[in-house]
Amino acid sequence: MEKIILLFVGVLVLGVTGMNAQERDTTLMKGGREGVAALAEPSSHYTKDMVQITAMDIPASLRSKLQGSRYKGWENATFYRSQNYEGYVVEMKDGEKIKTFRFDGNGRPIPDHE
């Protein structure tokens, strides 16, 4: 009788473990849409070790790049720079969305690798 109970408990544990291993992790999913993961705070990833600055603090090379039509509304954006001045992040609100642009220390855009 003990062998049957142990066998039953073993099968039950394996079944529960197998079911849990197949569940999706939805902690980073936004809006309940499956397959599209989004960070809760867009700035948390890019700006982890950065300092928030004002538009007046950005270098002229970056300021001239932001004049392009792609960066319309940059004047009201949130700016961050790396502590060693090797990179900048510009976050602009577009309605409910936040657009994040990264630049190197010379103001050249850094493409996203997502």
PDB file of N, CA and C in Angstrom:
ATOM      1  N   MET A   1       0.815  -1.188   0.000  1.00  0.00           N
ATOM      2  CA  MET A   1       0.000   0.000   0.000  1.00  0.00           C
ATOM      3  C   MET A   1       0.865   1.261   0.000  1.00  0.00           C
ATOM      4  N   GLU A   2       1.970   1.215   0.769  1.00  0.00           N
ATOM      5  CA  GLU A   2       2.855   2.377   0.819  1.00  0.00           C
ATOM      6  C   GLU A   2       3.456   2.662  -0.557  1.00  0.00           C
ATOM      7  N   LYS A   3       3.789   1.610  -1.294  1.00  0.00           N
ATOM      8  CA  LYS A   3       4.374   1.790  -2.624  1.00  0.00           C
ATOM      9  C   LYS A   3       3.391   2.477  -3.562  1.00  0.00           C
ATOM     10  N   ILE A   4       2.141   2.136  -3.468  1.00  0.00           N
ATOM     11  CA  ILE A   4       1.122   2.752  -4.327  1.00  0.00           C
ATOM     12  C   ILE A   4       0.962   4.233  -3.986  1.00  0.00           C
ATOM     13  N   ILE A   5       0.953   4.563  -2.707  1.00  0.00           N
ATOM     14  CA  ILE A   5       0.824   5.966  -2.279  1.00  0.00           C
ATOM     15  C   ILE A   5       2.041   6.764  -2.732  1.00  0.00           C
ATOM     16  N   LEU A   6       3.249   6.204  -2.539  1.00  0.00           N
ATOM     17  CA  LEU A   6       4.462   6.900  -2.973  1.00  0.00           C
ATOM     18  C   LEU A   6       4.483   7.078  -4.489  1.00  0.00           C
ATOM     19  N   LEU A   7       4.048   6.076  -5.215  1.00  0.00           N
ATOM     20  CA  LEU A   7       3.975   6.179  -6.669  1.00  0.00           C
ATOM     21  C   LEU A   7       2.989   7.271  -7.080  1.00  0.00           C
ATOM     22  N   PHE A   8       1.833   7.304  -6.435  1.00  0.00           N
ATOM     23  CA  PHE A   8       0.827   8.322  -6.728  1.00  0.00           C
ATOM     24  C   PHE A   8       1.361   9.724  -6.434  1.00  0.00           C
ATOM     25  N   VAL A   9       2.006   9.915  -5.287  1.00  0.00           N
ATOM     26  CA  VAL A   9       2.576  11.221  -4.923  1.00  0.00           C
ATOM     27  C   VAL A   9       3.664  11.619  -5.915  1.00  0.00           C
ATOM     28  N   GLY A  10       4.494  10.673  -6.325  1.00  0.00           N
ATOM     29  CA  GLY A  10       5.552  10.967  -7.299  1.00  0.00           C
ATOM     30  C   GLY A  10       4.994  11.413  -8.633  1.00  0.00           C
ATOM     31  N   VAL A  11       3.965  10.718  -9.116  1.00  0.00           N
ATOM     32  CA  VAL A  11       3.332  11.093 -10.382  1.00  0.00           C
ATOM     33  C   VAL A  11       2.676  12.464 -10.251  1.00  0.00           C
ATOM     34  N   LEU A  12       2.042  12.720  -9.116  1.00  0.00           N
ATOM     35  CA  LEU A  12       1.401  14.012  -8.882  1.00  0.00           C
ATOM     36  C   LEU A  12       2.423  15.150  -8.890  1.00  0.00           C
ATOM     37  N   VAL A  13       3.548  14.957  -8.215  1.00  0.00           N
ATOM     38  CA  VAL A  13       4.604  15.982  -8.178  1.00  0.00           C
ATOM     39  C   VAL A  13       5.159  16.233  -9.577  1.00  0.00           C
ATOM     40  N   LEU A  14       5.419  15.180 -10.330  1.00  0.00           N
ATOM     41  CA  LEU A  14       5.924  15.348 -11.693  1.00  0.00           C
ATOM     42  C   LEU A  14       4.910  16.066 -12.578  1.00  0.00           C
ATOM     43  N   GLY A  15       3.649  15.755 -12.421  1.00  0.00           N
ATOM     44  CA  GLY A  15       2.612  16.409 -13.211  1.00  0.00           C
ATOM     45  C   GLY A  15       2.511  17.893 -12.912  1.00  0.00           C
ATOM     46  N   VAL A  16       2.525  18.249 -11.638  1.00  0.00           N
ATOM     47  CA  VAL A  16       2.451  19.662 -11.246  1.00  0.00           C
ATOM     48  C   VAL A  16       3.693  20.405 -11.717  1.00  0.00           C
ATOM     49  N   THR A  17       4.852  19.794 -11.573  1.00  0.00           N
ATOM     50  CA  THR A  17       6.097  20.420 -12.024  1.00  0.00           C
ATOM     51  C   THR A  17       6.076  20.648 -13.529  1.00  0.00           C
ATOM     52  N   GLY A  18       5.606  19.680 -14.276  1.00  0.00           N
ATOM     53  CA  GLY A  18       5.527  19.818 -15.729  1.00  0.00           C
ATOM     54  C   GLY A  18       4.567  20.912 -16.153  1.00  0.00           C
ATOM     55  N   MET A  19       3.459  21.041 -15.456  1.00  0.00           N
ATOM     56  CA  MET A  19       2.490  22.087 -15.795  1.00  0.00           C
ATOM     57  C   MET A  19       3.051  23.471 -15.496  1.00  0.00           C
ATOM     58  N   ASN A  20       3.716  23.633 -14.366  1.00  0.00           N
ATOM     59  CA  ASN A  20       4.278  24.932 -14.008  1.00  0.00           C
ATOM     60  C   ASN A  20       5.414  25.330 -14.933  1.00  0.00           C
ATOM     61  N   ALA A  21       6.142  24.368 -15.443  1.00  0.00           N
ATOM     62  CA  ALA A  21       7.263  24.670 -16.334  1.00  0.00           C
ATOM     63  C   ALA A  21       6.777  25.239 -17.660  1.00  0.00           C
ATOM     64  N   GLN A  22       5.526  25.008 -18.011  1.00  0.00           N
ATOM     65  CA  GLN A  22       5.007  25.465 -19.290  1.00  0.00           C
ATOM     66  C   GLN A  22       4.227  26.768 -19.191  1.00  0.00           C
ATOM     67  N   GLU A  23       4.063  27.331 -18.011  1.00  0.00           N
ATOM     68  CA  GLU A  23       3.343  28.589 -17.876  1.00  0.00           C
ATOM     69  C   GLU A  23       4.180  29.728 -18.429  1.00  0.00           C
ATOM     70  N   ARG A  24       3.517  30.711 -19.019  1.00  0.00           N
ATOM     71  CA  ARG A  24       4.215  31.887 -19.528  1.00  0.00           C
ATOM     72  C   ARG A  24       4.455  32.882 -18.410  1.00  0.00           C
ATOM     73  N   ASP A  25       5.602  33.530 -18.471  1.00  0.00           N
ATOM     74  CA  ASP A  25       5.909  34.585 -17.521  1.00  0.00           C
ATOM     75  C   ASP A  25       5.335  35.875 -18.076  1.00  0.00           C
ATOM     76  N   THR A  26       4.287  36.376 -17.458  1.00  0.00           N
ATOM     77  CA  THR A  26       3.623  37.580 -17.958  1.00  0.00           C
ATOM     78  C   THR A  26       3.936  38.801 -17.112  1.00  0.00           C
ATOM     79  N   THR A  27       4.950  38.728 -16.269  1.00  0.00           N
ATOM     80  CA  THR A  27       5.245  39.856 -15.402  1.00  0.00           C
ATOM     81  C   THR A  27       5.722  41.067 -16.177  1.00  0.00           C
ATOM     82  N   LEU A  28       6.355  40.870 -17.332  1.00  0.00           N
ATOM     83  CA  LEU A  28       6.834  41.996 -18.118  1.00  0.00           C
ATOM     84  C   LEU A  28       5.917  42.326 -19.294  1.00  0.00           C
ATOM     85  N   MET A  29       4.809  41.645 -19.414  1.00  0.00           N
ATOM     86  CA  MET A  29       3.910  41.885 -20.533  1.00  0.00           C
ATOM     87  C   MET A  29       3.025  43.089 -20.237  1.00  0.00           C
ATOM     88  N   LYS A  30       2.767  43.875 -21.253  1.00  0.00           N
ATOM     89  CA  LYS A  30       1.990  45.093 -21.098  1.00  0.00           C
ATOM     90  C   LYS A  30       0.631  44.905 -21.762  1.00  0.00           C
ATOM     91  N   GLY A  31      -0.411  45.298 -21.077  1.00  0.00           N
ATOM     92  CA  GLY A  31      -1.731  45.313 -21.674  1.00  0.00           C
ATOM     93  C   GLY A  31      -2.327  43.947 -21.933  1.00  0.00           C
ATOM     94  N   GLY A  32      -1.772  42.899 -21.370  1.00  0.00           N
ATOM     95  CA  GLY A  32      -2.323  41.574 -21.540  1.00  0.00           C
ATOM     96  C   GLY A  32      -2.085  40.965 -22.911  1.00  0.00           C
ATOM     97  N   ARG A  33      -1.330  41.618 -23.772  1.00  0.00           N
ATOM     98  CA  ARG A  33      -1.053  41.067 -25.100  1.00  0.00           C
ATOM     99  C   ARG A  33       0.072  40.059 -24.976  1.00  0.00           C
ATOM    100  N   GLU A  34      -0.182  38.854 -25.417  1.00  0.00           N
ATOM    101  CA  GLU A  34       0.846  37.826 -25.333  1.00  0.00           C
ATOM    102  C   GLU A  34       1.874  38.018 -26.432  1.00  0.00           C
ATOM    103  N   GLY A  35       3.120  37.749 -26.120  1.00  0.00           N
ATOM    104  CA  GLY A  35       4.175  37.808 -27.115  1.00  0.00           C
ATOM    105  C   GLY A  35       4.828  39.164 -27.262  1.00  0.00           C
ATOM    106  N   VAL A  36       4.281  40.196 -26.648  1.00  0.00           N
ATOM    107  CA  VAL A  36       4.872  41.527 -26.754  1.00  0.00           C
ATOM    108  C   VAL A  36       5.258  41.960 -25.353  1.00  0.00           C
ATOM    109  N   ALA A  37       6.527  41.850 -25.044  1.00  0.00           N
ATOM    110  CA  ALA A  37       6.998  42.231 -23.718  1.00  0.00           C
ATOM    111  C   ALA A  37       7.409  43.688 -23.729  1.00  0.00           C
ATOM    112  N   ALA A  38       7.082  44.394 -22.661  1.00  0.00           N
ATOM    113  CA  ALA A  38       7.451  45.798 -22.533  1.00  0.00           C
ATOM    114  C   ALA A  38       7.849  46.054 -21.091  1.00  0.00           C
ATOM    115  N   LEU A  39       8.821  46.892 -20.896  1.00  0.00           N
ATOM    116  CA  LEU A  39       9.236  47.250 -19.556  1.00  0.00           C
ATOM    117  C   LEU A  39       8.195  48.162 -18.939  1.00  0.00           C
ATOM    118  N   ALA A  40       7.973  48.011 -17.651  1.00  0.00           N
ATOM    119  CA  ALA A  40       7.001  48.855 -16.968  1.00  0.00           C
ATOM    120  C   ALA A  40       7.432  50.315 -17.039  1.00  0.00           C
ATOM    121  N   GLU A  41       8.701  50.576 -16.864  1.00  0.00           N
ATOM    122  CA  GLU A  41       9.236  51.921 -16.984  1.00  0.00           C
ATOM    123  C   GLU A  41      10.282  51.907 -18.082  1.00  0.00           C
ATOM    124  N   PRO A  42      10.030  52.559 -19.207  1.00  0.00           N
ATOM    125  CA  PRO A  42      10.994  52.530 -20.301  1.00  0.00           C
ATOM    126  C   PRO A  42      12.368  53.049 -19.908  1.00  0.00           C
ATOM    127  N   SER A  43      12.405  54.018 -19.016  1.00  0.00           N
ATOM    128  CA  SER A  43      13.691  54.602 -18.680  1.00  0.00           C
ATOM    129  C   SER A  43      14.526  53.713 -17.768  1.00  0.00           C
ATOM    130  N   SER A  44      13.912  52.732 -17.128  1.00  0.00           N
ATOM    131  CA  SER A  44      14.646  51.949 -16.148  1.00  0.00           C
ATOM    132  C   SER A  44      15.785  51.147 -16.774  1.00  0.00           C
ATOM    133  N   HIS A  45      15.628  50.715 -18.022  1.00  0.00           N
ATOM    134  CA  HIS A  45      16.668  49.910 -18.661  1.00  0.00           C
ATOM    135  C   HIS A  45      17.820  50.779 -19.162  1.00  0.00           C
ATOM    136  N   TYR A  46      17.517  51.786 -19.914  1.00  0.00           N
ATOM    137  CA  TYR A  46      18.549  52.598 -20.541  1.00  0.00           C
ATOM    138  C   TYR A  46      19.214  53.569 -19.574  1.00  0.00           C
ATOM    139  N   THR A  47      18.518  54.007 -18.574  1.00  0.00           N
ATOM    140  CA  THR A  47      19.028  55.087 -17.737  1.00  0.00           C
ATOM    141  C   THR A  47      19.465  54.620 -16.354  1.00  0.00           C
ATOM    142  N   LYS A  48      19.731  53.348 -16.207  1.00  0.00           N
ATOM    143  CA  LYS A  48      20.072  52.796 -14.896  1.00  0.00           C
ATOM    144  C   LYS A  48      21.238  53.534 -14.242  1.00  0.00           C
ATOM    145  N   ASP A  49      22.317  53.743 -14.969  1.00  0.00           N
ATOM    146  CA  ASP A  49      23.499  54.405 -14.412  1.00  0.00           C
ATOM    147  C   ASP A  49      23.688  55.793 -15.007  1.00  0.00           C
ATOM    148  N   MET A  50      22.591  56.482 -15.299  1.00  0.00           N
ATOM    149  CA  MET A  50      22.683  57.790 -15.937  1.00  0.00           C
ATOM    150  C   MET A  50      22.152  58.878 -15.013  1.00  0.00           C
ATOM    151  N   VAL A  51      22.499  60.110 -15.353  1.00  0.00           N
ATOM    152  CA  VAL A  51      22.096  61.279 -14.588  1.00  0.00           C
ATOM    153  C   VAL A  51      21.117  62.083 -15.427  1.00  0.00           C
ATOM    154  N   GLN A  52      19.992  62.484 -14.831  1.00  0.00           N
ATOM    155  CA  GLN A  52      19.032  63.298 -15.570  1.00  0.00           C
ATOM    156  C   GLN A  52      19.582  64.714 -15.696  1.00  0.00           C
ATOM    157  N   ILE A  53      19.460  65.284 -16.903  1.00  0.00           N
ATOM    158  CA  ILE A  53      19.957  66.631 -17.171  1.00  0.00           C
ATOM    159  C   ILE A  53      18.854  67.440 -17.843  1.00  0.00           C
ATOM    160  N   THR A  54      19.098  68.732 -18.020  1.00  0.00           N
ATOM    161  CA  THR A  54      18.138  69.596 -18.705  1.00  0.00           C
ATOM    162  C   THR A  54      18.545  69.751 -20.165  1.00  0.00           C
ATOM    163  N   ALA A  55      17.655  70.308 -20.965  1.00  0.00           N
ATOM    164  CA  ALA A  55      17.942  70.530 -22.384  1.00  0.00           C
ATOM    165  C   ALA A  55      19.129  71.470 -22.558  1.00  0.00           C
ATOM    166  N   MET A  56      19.337  72.356 -21.618  1.00  0.00           N
ATOM    167  CA  MET A  56      20.459  73.297 -21.705  1.00  0.00           C
ATOM    168  C   MET A  56      21.804  72.592 -21.513  1.00  0.00           C
ATOM    169  N   ASP A  57      21.798  71.417 -20.895  1.00  0.00           N
ATOM    170  CA  ASP A  57      23.037  70.692 -20.604  1.00  0.00           C
ATOM    171  C   ASP A  57      23.494  69.770 -21.726  1.00  0.00           C
ATOM    172  N   ILE A  58      22.673  69.570 -22.747  1.00  0.00           N
ATOM    173  CA  ILE A  58      23.082  68.659 -23.817  1.00  0.00           C
ATOM    174  C   ILE A  58      24.080  69.357 -24.733  1.00  0.00           C
ATOM    175  N   PRO A  59      25.040  68.628 -25.283  1.00  0.00           N
ATOM    176  CA  PRO A  59      26.065  69.245 -26.130  1.00  0.00           C
ATOM    177  C   PRO A  59      25.486  69.726 -27.467  1.00  0.00           C
ATOM    178  N   ALA A  60      26.191  70.657 -28.090  1.00  0.00           N
ATOM    179  CA  ALA A  60      25.740  71.248 -29.355  1.00  0.00           C
ATOM    180  C   ALA A  60      25.590  70.202 -30.454  1.00  0.00           C
ATOM    181  N   SER A  61      26.474  69.203 -30.474  1.00  0.00           N
ATOM    182  CA  SER A  61      26.387  68.173 -31.515  1.00  0.00           C
ATOM    183  C   SER A  61      25.080  67.391 -31.409  1.00  0.00           C
ATOM    184  N   LEU A  62      24.658  67.093 -30.208  1.00  0.00           N
ATOM    185  CA  LEU A  62      23.389  66.389 -30.012  1.00  0.00           C
ATOM    186  C   LEU A  62      22.215  67.323 -30.279  1.00  0.00           C
ATOM    187  N   ARG A  63      22.335  68.553 -29.857  1.00  0.00           N
ATOM    188  CA  ARG A  63      21.269  69.538 -30.076  1.00  0.00           C
ATOM    189  C   ARG A  63      20.993  69.710 -31.572  1.00  0.00           C
ATOM    190  N   SER A  64      22.037  69.760 -32.388  1.00  0.00           N
ATOM    191  CA  SER A  64      21.833  69.921 -33.834  1.00  0.00           C
ATOM    192  C   SER A  64      21.190  68.673 -34.437  1.00  0.00           C
ATOM    193  N   LYS A  65      21.521  67.483 -33.922  1.00  0.00           N
ATOM    194  CA  LYS A  65      20.904  66.247 -34.409  1.00  0.00           C
ATOM    195  C   LYS A  65      19.414  66.222 -34.068  1.00  0.00           C
ATOM    196  N   LEU A  66      19.055  66.755 -32.909  1.00  0.00           N
ATOM    197  CA  LEU A  66      17.657  66.744 -32.469  1.00  0.00           C
ATOM    198  C   LEU A  66      16.772  67.705 -33.262  1.00  0.00           C
ATOM    199  N   GLN A  67      17.362  68.569 -34.065  1.00  0.00           N
ATOM    200  CA  GLN A  67      16.583  69.503 -34.878  1.00  0.00           C
ATOM    201  C   GLN A  67      15.849  68.794 -36.014  1.00  0.00           C
ATOM    202  N   GLY A  68      16.218  67.557 -36.317  1.00  0.00           N
ATOM    203  CA  GLY A  68      15.587  66.807 -37.406  1.00  0.00           C
ATOM    204  C   GLY A  68      14.124  66.495 -37.115  1.00  0.00           C
ATOM    205  N   SER A  69      13.364  66.209 -38.174  1.00  0.00           N
ATOM    206  CA  SER A  69      11.922  65.968 -38.032  1.00  0.00           C
ATOM    207  C   SER A  69      11.619  64.707 -37.220  1.00  0.00           C
ATOM    208  N   ARG A  70      12.534  63.776 -37.192  1.00  0.00           N
ATOM    209  CA  ARG A  70      12.318  62.540 -36.426  1.00  0.00           C
ATOM    210  C   ARG A  70      12.190  62.815 -34.931  1.00  0.00           C
ATOM    211  N   TYR A  71      12.818  63.878 -34.471  1.00  0.00           N
ATOM    212  CA  TYR A  71      12.857  64.185 -33.048  1.00  0.00           C
ATOM    213  C   TYR A  71      11.964  65.373 -32.697  1.00  0.00           C
ATOM    214  N   LYS A  72      10.899  65.561 -33.449  1.00  0.00           N
ATOM    215  CA  LYS A  72       9.981  66.680 -33.211  1.00  0.00           C
ATOM    216  C   LYS A  72       9.451  66.620 -31.773  1.00  0.00           C
ATOM    217  N   GLY A  73       9.522  67.746 -31.084  1.00  0.00           N
ATOM    218  CA  GLY A  73       9.075  67.824 -29.698  1.00  0.00           C
ATOM    219  C   GLY A  73      10.168  67.528 -28.690  1.00  0.00           C
ATOM    220  N   TRP A  74      11.419  67.488 -29.138  1.00  0.00           N
ATOM    221  CA  TRP A  74      12.521  67.133 -28.242  1.00  0.00           C
ATOM    222  C   TRP A  74      12.712  68.150 -27.123  1.00  0.00           C
ATOM    223  N   GLU A  75      12.258  69.374 -27.336  1.00  0.00           N
ATOM    224  CA  GLU A  75      12.444  70.418 -26.323  1.00  0.00           C
ATOM    225  C   GLU A  75      11.763  70.057 -25.004  1.00  0.00           C
ATOM    226  N   ASN A  76      10.694  69.272 -25.073  1.00  0.00           N
ATOM    227  CA  ASN A  76       9.941  68.889 -23.876  1.00  0.00           C
ATOM    228  C   ASN A  76      10.288  67.481 -23.400  1.00  0.00           C
ATOM    229  N   ALA A  77      11.342  66.919 -23.917  1.00  0.00           N
ATOM    230  CA  ALA A  77      11.734  65.548 -23.582  1.00  0.00           C
ATOM    231  C   ALA A  77      12.473  65.504 -22.246  1.00  0.00           C
ATOM    232  N   THR A  78      12.714  64.290 -21.782  1.00  0.00           N
ATOM    233  CA  THR A  78      13.542  64.059 -20.602  1.00  0.00           C
ATOM    234  C   THR A  78      14.902  63.588 -21.097  1.00  0.00           C
ATOM    235  N   PHE A  79      15.967  64.180 -20.559  1.00  0.00           N
ATOM    236  CA  PHE A  79      17.323  63.899 -21.031  1.00  0.00           C
ATOM    237  C   PHE A  79      18.138  63.238 -19.925  1.00  0.00           C
ATOM    238  N   TYR A  80      18.971  62.289 -20.335  1.00  0.00           N
ATOM    239  CA  TYR A  80      19.895  61.623 -19.419  1.00  0.00           C
ATOM    240  C   TYR A  80      21.263  61.564 -20.081  1.00  0.00           C
ATOM    241  N   ARG A  81      22.311  61.615 -19.270  1.00  0.00           N
ATOM    242  CA  ARG A  81      23.663  61.418 -19.797  1.00  0.00           C
ATOM    243  C   ARG A  81      24.364  60.417 -18.903  1.00  0.00           C
ATOM    244  N   SER A  82      25.279  59.677 -19.514  1.00  0.00           N
ATOM    245  CA  SER A  82      26.043  58.717 -18.725  1.00  0.00           C
ATOM    246  C   SER A  82      26.996  59.483 -17.816  1.00  0.00           C
ATOM    247  N   GLN A  83      27.394  58.852 -16.751  1.00  0.00           N
ATOM    248  CA  GLN A  83      28.249  59.530 -15.779  1.00  0.00           C
ATOM    249  C   GLN A  83      29.619  59.866 -16.343  1.00  0.00           C
ATOM    250  N   ASN A  84      30.033  59.153 -17.384  1.00  0.00           N
ATOM    251  CA  ASN A  84      31.335  59.432 -17.990  1.00  0.00           C
ATOM    252  C   ASN A  84      31.201  60.221 -19.296  1.00  0.00           C
ATOM    253  N   TYR A  85      30.023  60.787 -19.547  1.00  0.00           N
ATOM    254  CA  TYR A  85      29.751  61.620 -20.726  1.00  0.00           C
ATOM    255  C   TYR A  85      29.913  60.861 -22.044  1.00  0.00           C
ATOM    256  N   GLU A  86      29.773  59.541 -22.038  1.00  0.00           N
ATOM    257  CA  GLU A  86      29.941  58.766 -23.270  1.00  0.00           C
ATOM    258  C   GLU A  86      28.627  58.446 -23.963  1.00  0.00           C
ATOM    259  N   GLY A  87      27.509  58.863 -23.405  1.00  0.00           N
ATOM    260  CA  GLY A  87      26.234  58.566 -24.041  1.00  0.00           C
ATOM    261  C   GLY A  87      25.101  59.384 -23.464  1.00  0.00           C
ATOM    262  N   TYR A  88      24.044  59.509 -24.260  1.00  0.00           N
ATOM    263  CA  TYR A  88      22.867  60.277 -23.871  1.00  0.00           C
ATOM    264  C   TYR A  88      21.613  59.497 -24.235  1.00  0.00           C
ATOM    265  N   VAL A  89      20.556  59.704 -23.467  1.00  0.00           N
ATOM    266  CA  VAL A  89      19.249  59.119 -23.750  1.00  0.00           C
ATOM    267  C   VAL A  89      18.236  60.246 -23.747  1.00  0.00           C
ATOM    268  N   VAL A  90      17.371  60.247 -24.765  1.00  0.00           N
ATOM    269  CA  VAL A  90      16.299  61.234 -24.871  1.00  0.00           C
ATOM    270  C   VAL A  90      14.987  60.459 -24.871  1.00  0.00           C
ATOM    271  N   GLU A  91      14.110  60.790 -23.926  1.00  0.00           N
ATOM    272  CA  GLU A  91      12.794  60.157 -23.855  1.00  0.00           C
ATOM    273  C   GLU A  91      11.729  61.197 -24.164  1.00  0.00           C
ATOM    274  N   MET A  92      10.947  60.928 -25.216  1.00  0.00           N
ATOM    275  CA  MET A  92       9.895  61.858 -25.629  1.00  0.00           C
ATOM    276  C   MET A  92       8.548  61.163 -25.542  1.00  0.00           C
ATOM    277  N   LYS A  93       7.552  61.880 -25.006  1.00  0.00           N
ATOM    278  CA  LYS A  93       6.198  61.338 -24.947  1.00  0.00           C
ATOM    279  C   LYS A  93       5.488  61.636 -26.252  1.00  0.00           C
ATOM    280  N   ASP A  94       4.824  60.606 -26.773  1.00  0.00           N
ATOM    281  CA  ASP A  94       4.007  60.734 -27.977  1.00  0.00           C
ATOM    282  C   ASP A  94       2.645  60.154 -27.629  1.00  0.00           C
ATOM    283  N   GLY A  95       1.798  60.985 -27.033  1.00  0.00           N
ATOM    284  CA  GLY A  95       0.525  60.489 -26.526  1.00  0.00           C
ATOM    285  C   GLY A  95       0.778  59.632 -25.303  1.00  0.00           C
ATOM    286  N   GLU A  96       0.364  58.381 -25.371  1.00  0.00           N
ATOM    287  CA  GLU A  96       0.581  57.441 -24.272  1.00  0.00           C
ATOM    288  C   GLU A  96       1.933  56.742 -24.371  1.00  0.00           C
ATOM    289  N   LYS A  97       2.541  56.759 -25.554  1.00  0.00           N
ATOM    290  CA  LYS A  97       3.812  56.062 -25.775  1.00  0.00           C
ATOM    291  C   LYS A  97       4.986  56.950 -25.389  1.00  0.00           C
ATOM    292  N   ILE A  98       6.064  56.316 -24.992  1.00  0.00           N
ATOM    293  CA  ILE A  98       7.316  57.022 -24.737  1.00  0.00           C
ATOM    294  C   ILE A  98       8.329  56.516 -25.745  1.00  0.00           C
ATOM    295  N   LYS A  99       8.859  57.434 -26.545  1.00  0.00           N
ATOM    296  CA  LYS A  99       9.891  57.087 -27.519  1.00  0.00           C
ATOM    297  C   LYS A  99      11.245  57.337 -26.873  1.00  0.00           C
ATOM    298  N   THR A 100      12.132  56.365 -26.991  1.00  0.00           N
ATOM    299  CA  THR A 100      13.461  56.467 -26.402  1.00  0.00           C
ATOM    300  C   THR A 100      14.501  56.452 -27.505  1.00  0.00           C
ATOM    301  N   PHE A 101      15.378  57.458 -27.488  1.00  0.00           N
ATOM    302  CA  PHE A 101      16.460  57.557 -28.461  1.00  0.00           C
ATOM    303  C   PHE A 101      17.775  57.602 -27.697  1.00  0.00           C
ATOM    304  N   ARG A 102      18.745  56.839 -28.187  1.00  0.00           N
ATOM    305  CA  ARG A 102      20.066  56.813 -27.551  1.00  0.00           C
ATOM    306  C   ARG A 102      21.094  57.417 -28.499  1.00  0.00           C
ATOM    307  N   PHE A 103      22.057  58.129 -27.933  1.00  0.00           N
ATOM    308  CA  PHE A 103      23.105  58.789 -28.703  1.00  0.00           C
ATOM    309  C   PHE A 103      24.441  58.559 -28.021  1.00  0.00           C
ATOM    310  N   ASP A 104      25.512  58.537 -28.833  1.00  0.00           N
ATOM    311  CA  ASP A 104      26.844  58.433 -28.243  1.00  0.00           C
ATOM    312  C   ASP A 104      27.292  59.818 -27.777  1.00  0.00           C
ATOM    313  N   GLY A 105      28.491  59.909 -27.249  1.00  0.00           N
ATOM    314  CA  GLY A 105      28.999  61.168 -26.719  1.00  0.00           C
ATOM    315  C   GLY A 105      29.161  62.258 -27.754  1.00  0.00           C
ATOM    316  N   ASN A 106      29.216  61.883 -29.044  1.00  0.00           N
ATOM    317  CA  ASN A 106      29.350  62.862 -30.123  1.00  0.00           C
ATOM    318  C   ASN A 106      28.013  63.227 -30.752  1.00  0.00           C
ATOM    319  N   GLY A 107      26.922  62.725 -30.196  1.00  0.00           N
ATOM    320  CA  GLY A 107      25.601  63.056 -30.715  1.00  0.00           C
ATOM    321  C   GLY A 107      25.120  62.162 -31.841  1.00  0.00           C
ATOM    322  N   ARG A 108      25.853  61.097 -32.143  1.00  0.00           N
ATOM    323  CA  ARG A 108      25.424  60.168 -33.198  1.00  0.00           C
ATOM    324  C   ARG A 108      24.414  59.178 -32.626  1.00  0.00           C
ATOM    325  N   PRO A 109      23.330  58.900 -33.367  1.00  0.00           N
ATOM    326  CA  PRO A 109      22.318  57.949 -32.877  1.00  0.00           C
ATOM    327  C   PRO A 109      22.895  56.541 -32.728  1.00  0.00           C
ATOM    328  N   ILE A 110      22.459  55.856 -31.691  1.00  0.00           N
ATOM    329  CA  ILE A 110      22.821  54.461 -31.465  1.00  0.00           C
ATOM    330  C   ILE A 110      21.581  53.642 -31.795  1.00  0.00           C
ATOM    331  N   PRO A 111      21.660  52.757 -32.788  1.00  0.00           N
ATOM    332  CA  PRO A 111      20.468  51.975 -33.164  1.00  0.00           C
ATOM    333  C   PRO A 111      20.063  51.000 -32.062  1.00  0.00           C
ATOM    334  N   ASP A 112      18.753  50.755 -31.972  1.00  0.00           N
ATOM    335  CA  ASP A 112      18.237  49.775 -31.014  1.00  0.00           C
ATOM    336  C   ASP A 112      18.528  48.382 -31.525  1.00  0.00           C
ATOM    337  N   HIS A 113      18.817  47.488 -30.600  1.00  0.00           N
ATOM    338  CA  HIS A 113      19.101  46.094 -30.967  1.00  0.00           C
ATOM    339  C   HIS A 113      18.029  45.174 -30.428  1.00  0.00           C
ATOM    340  N   GLU A 114      16.781  45.617 -30.393  1.00  0.00           N
ATOM    341  CA  GLU A 114      15.693  44.802 -29.844  1.00  0.00           C
ATOM    342  C   GLU A 114      14.987  44.077 -30.923  1.00  0.00           C
TER     343      GLU A 114
END
